Amino acid sequence: LERADTAEKALSVIVDLLEKYGQGGNCME
């Protein structure tokens, strides 16, 4: 939302971040 002005550009931002940092971690406190 912060870095893109269209849905497709937001998709690209997310997949670029996913590629660079991956995902994971505990999703509960």
PDB file of all heavy atoms in Angstrom:
ATOM      1  N   LEU A   1       0.828  -1.207   0.000  1.00  0.00           N
ATOM      2  CA  LEU A   1       0.000   0.000   0.000  1.00  0.00           C
ATOM      3  C   LEU A   1       0.861   1.255   0.000  1.00  0.00           C
ATOM      4  O   LEU A   1       0.557   2.237  -0.663  1.00  0.00           O
ATOM      5  CB  LEU A   1      -0.918   0.019   1.227  1.00  0.00           C
ATOM      6  CG  LEU A   1      -2.105  -0.925   1.223  1.00  0.00           C
ATOM      7  CD1 LEU A   1      -2.763  -0.958   2.597  1.00  0.00           C
ATOM      8  CD2 LEU A   1      -3.110  -0.501   0.168  1.00  0.00           C
ATOM      9  N   GLU A   2       1.929   1.219   0.763  1.00  0.00           N
ATOM     10  CA  GLU A   2       2.790   2.385   0.898  1.00  0.00           C
ATOM     11  C   GLU A   2       3.585   2.681  -0.374  1.00  0.00           C
ATOM     12  O   GLU A   2       3.752   3.835  -0.762  1.00  0.00           O
ATOM     13  CB  GLU A   2       3.777   2.142   2.046  1.00  0.00           C
ATOM     14  CG  GLU A   2       4.831   3.216   2.224  1.00  0.00           C
ATOM     15  CD  GLU A   2       5.879   2.805   3.239  1.00  0.00           C
ATOM     16  OE1 GLU A   2       5.506   2.636   4.415  1.00  0.00           O
ATOM     17  OE2 GLU A   2       7.051   2.637   2.850  1.00  0.00           O
ATOM     18  N   ARG A   3       4.038   1.620  -1.061  1.00  0.00           N
ATOM     19  CA  ARG A   3       5.006   1.807  -2.144  1.00  0.00           C
ATOM     20  C   ARG A   3       4.424   1.727  -3.548  1.00  0.00           C
ATOM     21  O   ARG A   3       5.150   1.944  -4.514  1.00  0.00           O
ATOM     22  CB  ARG A   3       6.108   0.753  -2.000  1.00  0.00           C
ATOM     23  CG  ARG A   3       6.870   0.900  -0.708  1.00  0.00           C
ATOM     24  CD  ARG A   3       7.892  -0.190  -0.533  1.00  0.00           C
ATOM     25  NE  ARG A   3       8.527  -0.071   0.774  1.00  0.00           N
ATOM     26  CZ  ARG A   3       9.487  -0.862   1.198  1.00  0.00           C
ATOM     27  NH1 ARG A   3       9.949  -1.831   0.418  1.00  0.00           N
ATOM     28  NH2 ARG A   3      10.001  -0.700   2.393  1.00  0.00           N
ATOM     29  N   ALA A   4       3.152   1.401  -3.677  1.00  0.00           N
ATOM     30  CA  ALA A   4       2.579   1.209  -5.019  1.00  0.00           C
ATOM     31  C   ALA A   4       1.306   2.021  -5.179  1.00  0.00           C
ATOM     32  O   ALA A   4       0.586   2.269  -4.212  1.00  0.00           O
ATOM     33  CB  ALA A   4       2.292  -0.270  -5.240  1.00  0.00           C
ATOM     34  N   ASP A   5       1.019   2.404  -6.426  1.00  0.00           N
ATOM     35  CA  ASP A   5      -0.208   3.154  -6.685  1.00  0.00           C
ATOM     36  C   ASP A   5      -1.229   2.343  -7.487  1.00  0.00           C
ATOM     37  O   ASP A   5      -2.281   2.869  -7.848  1.00  0.00           O
ATOM     38  CB  ASP A   5       0.099   4.494  -7.361  1.00  0.00           C
ATOM     39  CG  ASP A   5       0.816   4.334  -8.698  1.00  0.00           C
ATOM     40  OD1 ASP A   5       1.163   3.197  -9.078  1.00  0.00           O
ATOM     41  OD2 ASP A   5       1.038   5.362  -9.367  1.00  0.00           O
ATOM     42  N   THR A   6      -0.930   1.080  -7.768  1.00  0.00           N
ATOM     43  CA  THR A   6      -1.906   0.184  -8.400  1.00  0.00           C
ATOM     44  C   THR A   6      -1.813  -1.184  -7.734  1.00  0.00           C
ATOM     45  O   THR A   6      -0.808  -1.509  -7.085  1.00  0.00           O
ATOM     46  CB  THR A   6      -1.643  -0.003  -9.917  1.00  0.00           C
ATOM     47  OG1 THR A   6      -0.434  -0.750 -10.092  1.00  0.00           O
ATOM     48  CG2 THR A   6      -1.580   1.325 -10.659  1.00  0.00           C
ATOM     49  N   ALA A   7      -2.843  -1.976  -7.925  1.00  0.00           N
ATOM     50  CA  ALA A   7      -2.853  -3.328  -7.360  1.00  0.00           C
ATOM     51  C   ALA A   7      -1.713  -4.164  -7.927  1.00  0.00           C
ATOM     52  O   ALA A   7      -1.028  -4.883  -7.185  1.00  0.00           O
ATOM     53  CB  ALA A   7      -4.205  -3.996  -7.628  1.00  0.00           C
ATOM     54  N   GLU A   8      -1.487  -4.086  -9.223  1.00  0.00           N
ATOM     55  CA  GLU A   8      -0.430  -4.903  -9.820  1.00  0.00           C
ATOM     56  C   GLU A   8       0.949  -4.479  -9.322  1.00  0.00           C
ATOM     57  O   GLU A   8       1.823  -5.317  -9.086  1.00  0.00           O
ATOM     58  CB  GLU A   8      -0.490  -4.875 -11.344  1.00  0.00           C
ATOM     59  CG  GLU A   8       0.478  -5.865 -11.956  1.00  0.00           C
ATOM     60  CD  GLU A   8       0.280  -6.104 -13.440  1.00  0.00           C
ATOM     61  OE1 GLU A   8      -0.425  -5.312 -14.091  1.00  0.00           O
ATOM     62  OE2 GLU A   8       0.831  -7.100 -13.932  1.00  0.00           O
ATOM     63  N   LYS A   9       1.163  -3.179  -9.134  1.00  0.00           N
ATOM     64  CA  LYS A   9       2.447  -2.722  -8.599  1.00  0.00           C
ATOM     65  C   LYS A   9       2.618  -3.180  -7.147  1.00  0.00           C
ATOM     66  O   LYS A   9       3.722  -3.536  -6.730  1.00  0.00           O
ATOM     67  CB  LYS A   9       2.566  -1.204  -8.709  1.00  0.00           C
ATOM     68  CG  LYS A   9       2.783  -0.720 -10.136  1.00  0.00           C
ATOM     69  CD  LYS A   9       2.860   0.796 -10.180  1.00  0.00           C
ATOM     70  CE  LYS A   9       2.938   1.300 -11.611  1.00  0.00           C
ATOM     71  NZ  LYS A   9       2.862   2.775 -11.676  1.00  0.00           N
ATOM     72  N   ALA A  10       1.530  -3.187  -6.371  1.00  0.00           N
ATOM     73  CA  ALA A  10       1.593  -3.690  -4.993  1.00  0.00           C
ATOM     74  C   ALA A  10       1.946  -5.174  -4.981  1.00  0.00           C
ATOM     75  O   ALA A  10       2.728  -5.631  -4.143  1.00  0.00           O
ATOM     76  CB  ALA A  10       0.271  -3.441  -4.273  1.00  0.00           C
ATOM     77  N   LEU A  11       1.387  -5.925  -5.913  1.00  0.00           N
ATOM     78  CA  LEU A  11       1.734  -7.338  -6.066  1.00  0.00           C
ATOM     79  C   LEU A  11       3.244  -7.469  -6.291  1.00  0.00           C
ATOM     80  O   LEU A  11       3.906  -8.287  -5.646  1.00  0.00           O
ATOM     81  CB  LEU A  11       0.954  -7.939  -7.235  1.00  0.00           C
ATOM     82  CG  LEU A  11       1.360  -9.324  -7.723  1.00  0.00           C
ATOM     83  CD1 LEU A  11       1.044 -10.378  -6.691  1.00  0.00           C
ATOM     84  CD2 LEU A  11       0.657  -9.647  -9.031  1.00  0.00           C
ATOM     85  N   SER A  12       3.799  -6.662  -7.170  1.00  0.00           N
ATOM     86  CA  SER A  12       5.235  -6.709  -7.448  1.00  0.00           C
ATOM     87  C   SER A  12       6.061  -6.362  -6.210  1.00  0.00           C
ATOM     88  O   SER A  12       7.087  -6.996  -5.939  1.00  0.00           O
ATOM     89  CB  SER A  12       5.593  -5.760  -8.600  1.00  0.00           C
ATOM     90  OG  SER A  12       5.004  -6.218  -9.794  1.00  0.00           O
ATOM     91  N   VAL A  13       5.622  -5.366  -5.456  1.00  0.00           N
ATOM     92  CA  VAL A  13       6.328  -4.998  -4.219  1.00  0.00           C
ATOM     93  C   VAL A  13       6.360  -6.192  -3.267  1.00  0.00           C
ATOM     94  O   VAL A  13       7.409  -6.546  -2.719  1.00  0.00           O
ATOM     95  CB  VAL A  13       5.651  -3.783  -3.536  1.00  0.00           C
ATOM     96  CG1 VAL A  13       6.153  -3.597  -2.113  1.00  0.00           C
ATOM     97  CG2 VAL A  13       5.857  -2.511  -4.359  1.00  0.00           C
ATOM     98  N   ILE A  14       5.229  -6.832  -3.088  1.00  0.00           N
ATOM     99  CA  ILE A  14       5.140  -7.952  -2.144  1.00  0.00           C
ATOM    100  C   ILE A  14       6.008  -9.122  -2.592  1.00  0.00           C
ATOM    101  O   ILE A  14       6.753  -9.687  -1.784  1.00  0.00           O
ATOM    102  CB  ILE A  14       3.672  -8.378  -1.945  1.00  0.00           C
ATOM    103  CG1 ILE A  14       2.880  -7.256  -1.270  1.00  0.00           C
ATOM    104  CG2 ILE A  14       3.595  -9.664  -1.114  1.00  0.00           C
ATOM    105  CD1 ILE A  14       1.374  -7.452  -1.315  1.00  0.00           C
ATOM    106  N   VAL A  15       5.946  -9.488  -3.868  1.00  0.00           N
ATOM    107  CA  VAL A  15       6.744 -10.639  -4.312  1.00  0.00           C
ATOM    108  C   VAL A  15       8.240 -10.313  -4.309  1.00  0.00           C
ATOM    109  O   VAL A  15       9.056 -11.200  -4.036  1.00  0.00           O
ATOM    110  CB  VAL A  15       6.275 -11.232  -5.663  1.00  0.00           C
ATOM    111  CG1 VAL A  15       4.847 -11.735  -5.547  1.00  0.00           C
ATOM    112  CG2 VAL A  15       6.429 -10.266  -6.807  1.00  0.00           C
ATOM    113  N   ASP A  16       8.607  -9.058  -4.557  1.00  0.00           N
ATOM    114  CA  ASP A  16      10.019  -8.669  -4.465  1.00  0.00           C
ATOM    115  C   ASP A  16      10.510  -8.789  -3.018  1.00  0.00           C
ATOM    116  O   ASP A  16      11.615  -9.281  -2.769  1.00  0.00           O
ATOM    117  CB  ASP A  16      10.236  -7.245  -4.977  1.00  0.00           C
ATOM    118  CG  ASP A  16      10.096  -7.120  -6.489  1.00  0.00           C
ATOM    119  OD1 ASP A  16      10.060  -8.167  -7.186  1.00  0.00           O
ATOM    120  OD2 ASP A  16      10.000  -5.978  -6.977  1.00  0.00           O
ATOM    121  N   LEU A  17       9.694  -8.366  -2.062  1.00  0.00           N
ATOM    122  CA  LEU A  17      10.061  -8.488  -0.648  1.00  0.00           C
ATOM    123  C   LEU A  17      10.114  -9.955  -0.218  1.00  0.00           C
ATOM    124  O   LEU A  17      11.008 -10.353   0.542  1.00  0.00           O
ATOM    125  CB  LEU A  17       9.069  -7.711   0.226  1.00  0.00           C
ATOM    126  CG  LEU A  17       9.148  -6.183   0.102  1.00  0.00           C
ATOM    127  CD1 LEU A  17       7.943  -5.529   0.757  1.00  0.00           C
ATOM    128  CD2 LEU A  17      10.444  -5.663   0.693  1.00  0.00           C
ATOM    129  N   LEU A  18       9.179 -10.732  -0.710  1.00  0.00           N
ATOM    130  CA  LEU A  18       9.161 -12.165  -0.413  1.00  0.00           C
ATOM    131  C   LEU A  18      10.441 -12.828  -0.934  1.00  0.00           C
ATOM    132  O   LEU A  18      11.076 -13.629  -0.241  1.00  0.00           O
ATOM    133  CB  LEU A  18       7.925 -12.820  -1.036  1.00  0.00           C
ATOM    134  CG  LEU A  18       7.735 -14.303  -0.809  1.00  0.00           C
ATOM    135  CD1 LEU A  18       7.517 -14.615   0.654  1.00  0.00           C
ATOM    136  CD2 LEU A  18       6.556 -14.800  -1.633  1.00  0.00           C
ATOM    137  N   GLU A  19      10.835 -12.469  -2.135  1.00  0.00           N
ATOM    138  CA  GLU A  19      12.049 -13.020  -2.738  1.00  0.00           C
ATOM    139  C   GLU A  19      13.287 -12.633  -1.919  1.00  0.00           C
ATOM    140  O   GLU A  19      14.170 -13.455  -1.690  1.00  0.00           O
ATOM    141  CB  GLU A  19      12.183 -12.511  -4.176  1.00  0.00           C
ATOM    142  CG  GLU A  19      13.323 -13.112  -4.939  1.00  0.00           C
ATOM    143  CD  GLU A  19      13.101 -14.563  -5.330  1.00  0.00           C
ATOM    144  OE1 GLU A  19      11.943 -15.005  -5.435  1.00  0.00           O
ATOM    145  OE2 GLU A  19      14.109 -15.260  -5.529  1.00  0.00           O
ATOM    146  N   LYS A  20      13.320 -11.387  -1.464  1.00  0.00           N
ATOM    147  CA  LYS A  20      14.494 -10.892  -0.746  1.00  0.00           C
ATOM    148  C   LYS A  20      14.555 -11.387   0.699  1.00  0.00           C
ATOM    149  O   LYS A  20      15.614 -11.765   1.189  1.00  0.00           O
ATOM    150  CB  LYS A  20      14.503  -9.359  -0.776  1.00  0.00           C
ATOM    151  CG  LYS A  20      15.741  -8.737  -0.182  1.00  0.00           C
ATOM    152  CD  LYS A  20      15.789  -7.248  -0.418  1.00  0.00           C
ATOM    153  CE  LYS A  20      17.085  -6.673   0.123  1.00  0.00           C
ATOM    154  NZ  LYS A  20      17.169  -5.228  -0.102  1.00  0.00           N
ATOM    155  N   TYR A  21      13.389 -11.396   1.407  1.00  0.00           N
ATOM    156  CA  TYR A  21      13.401 -11.672   2.841  1.00  0.00           C
ATOM    157  C   TYR A  21      12.721 -12.986   3.234  1.00  0.00           C
ATOM    158  O   TYR A  21      12.866 -13.432   4.362  1.00  0.00           O
ATOM    159  CB  TYR A  21      12.725 -10.522   3.606  1.00  0.00           C
ATOM    160  CG  TYR A  21      13.436  -9.220   3.420  1.00  0.00           C
ATOM    161  CD1 TYR A  21      12.917  -8.242   2.576  1.00  0.00           C
ATOM    162  CD2 TYR A  21      14.639  -8.968   4.062  1.00  0.00           C
ATOM    163  CE1 TYR A  21      13.570  -7.035   2.395  1.00  0.00           C
ATOM    164  CE2 TYR A  21      15.303  -7.760   3.888  1.00  0.00           C
ATOM    165  CZ  TYR A  21      14.760  -6.801   3.053  1.00  0.00           C
ATOM    166  OH  TYR A  21      15.425  -5.617   2.881  1.00  0.00           O
ATOM    167  N   GLY A  22      11.941 -13.568   2.337  1.00  0.00           N
ATOM    168  CA  GLY A  22      11.195 -14.770   2.696  1.00  0.00           C
ATOM    169  C   GLY A  22      10.066 -14.439   3.665  1.00  0.00           C
ATOM    170  O   GLY A  22       9.683 -13.286   3.823  1.00  0.00           O
ATOM    171  N   GLN A  23       9.545 -15.459   4.305  1.00  0.00           N
ATOM    172  CA  GLN A  23       8.492 -15.252   5.294  1.00  0.00           C
ATOM    173  C   GLN A  23       8.648 -16.306   6.361  1.00  0.00           C
ATOM    174  O   GLN A  23       9.353 -17.287   6.205  1.00  0.00           O
ATOM    175  CB  GLN A  23       7.112 -15.316   4.652  1.00  0.00           C
ATOM    176  CG  GLN A  23       6.771 -16.674   4.038  1.00  0.00           C
ATOM    177  CD  GLN A  23       5.404 -16.681   3.398  1.00  0.00           C
ATOM    178  OE1 GLN A  23       4.474 -16.074   3.896  1.00  0.00           O
ATOM    179  NE2 GLN A  23       5.286 -17.375   2.282  1.00  0.00           N
ATOM    180  N   GLY A  24       7.951 -16.111   7.435  1.00  0.00           N
ATOM    181  CA  GLY A  24       8.033 -17.077   8.524  1.00  0.00           C
ATOM    182  C   GLY A  24       7.861 -16.382   9.846  1.00  0.00           C
ATOM    183  O   GLY A  24       7.484 -15.222   9.918  1.00  0.00           O
ATOM    184  N   GLY A  25       8.134 -17.108  10.888  1.00  0.00           N
ATOM    185  CA  GLY A  25       7.972 -16.565  12.229  1.00  0.00           C
ATOM    186  C   GLY A  25       6.666 -17.022  12.823  1.00  0.00           C
ATOM    187  O   GLY A  25       5.744 -17.465  12.138  1.00  0.00           O
ATOM    188  N   ASN A  26       6.618 -16.936  14.130  1.00  0.00           N
ATOM    189  CA  ASN A  26       5.438 -17.364  14.859  1.00  0.00           C
ATOM    190  C   ASN A  26       4.307 -16.366  14.639  1.00  0.00           C
ATOM    191  O   ASN A  26       4.510 -15.163  14.758  1.00  0.00           O
ATOM    192  CB  ASN A  26       5.778 -17.456  16.352  1.00  0.00           C
ATOM    193  CG  ASN A  26       4.787 -18.277  17.116  1.00  0.00           C
ATOM    194  OD1 ASN A  26       3.816 -18.762  16.553  1.00  0.00           O
ATOM    195  ND2 ASN A  26       5.019 -18.428  18.398  1.00  0.00           N
ATOM    196  N   CYS A  27       3.130 -16.860  14.321  1.00  0.00           N
ATOM    197  CA  CYS A  27       2.008 -15.940  14.081  1.00  0.00           C
ATOM    198  C   CYS A  27       1.055 -15.870  15.268  1.00  0.00           C
ATOM    199  O   CYS A  27      -0.077 -15.456  15.120  1.00  0.00           O
ATOM    200  CB  CYS A  27       1.282 -16.306  12.790  1.00  0.00           C
ATOM    201  SG  CYS A  27       0.948 -18.020  12.548  1.00  0.00           S
ATOM    202  N   MET A  28       1.540 -16.258  16.419  1.00  0.00           N
ATOM    203  CA  MET A  28       0.757 -16.097  17.646  1.00  0.00           C
ATOM    204  C   MET A  28       1.670 -15.513  18.717  1.00  0.00           C
ATOM    205  O   MET A  28       2.869 -15.762  18.716  1.00  0.00           O
ATOM    206  CB  MET A  28       0.207 -17.446  18.121  1.00  0.00           C
ATOM    207  CG  MET A  28      -0.782 -18.059  17.152  1.00  0.00           C
ATOM    208  SD  MET A  28      -1.538 -19.535  17.830  1.00  0.00           S
ATOM    209  CE  MET A  28      -2.579 -18.841  19.096  1.00  0.00           C
ATOM    210  N   GLU A  29       1.092 -14.747  19.633  1.00  0.00           N
ATOM    211  CA  GLU A  29       1.886 -14.156  20.704  1.00  0.00           C
ATOM    212  C   GLU A  29       2.280 -15.182  21.758  1.00  0.00           C
ATOM    213  O   GLU A  29       3.240 -14.986  22.481  1.00  0.00           O
ATOM    214  CB  GLU A  29       1.126 -12.996  21.338  1.00  0.00           C
ATOM    215  CG  GLU A  29       1.020 -11.805  20.406  1.00  0.00           C
ATOM    216  CD  GLU A  29       0.274 -10.641  21.018  1.00  0.00           C
ATOM    217  OE1 GLU A  29      -0.001 -10.673  22.234  1.00  0.00           O
ATOM    218  OE2 GLU A  29      -0.041  -9.702  20.274  1.00  0.00           O
TER     219      GLU A  29
END
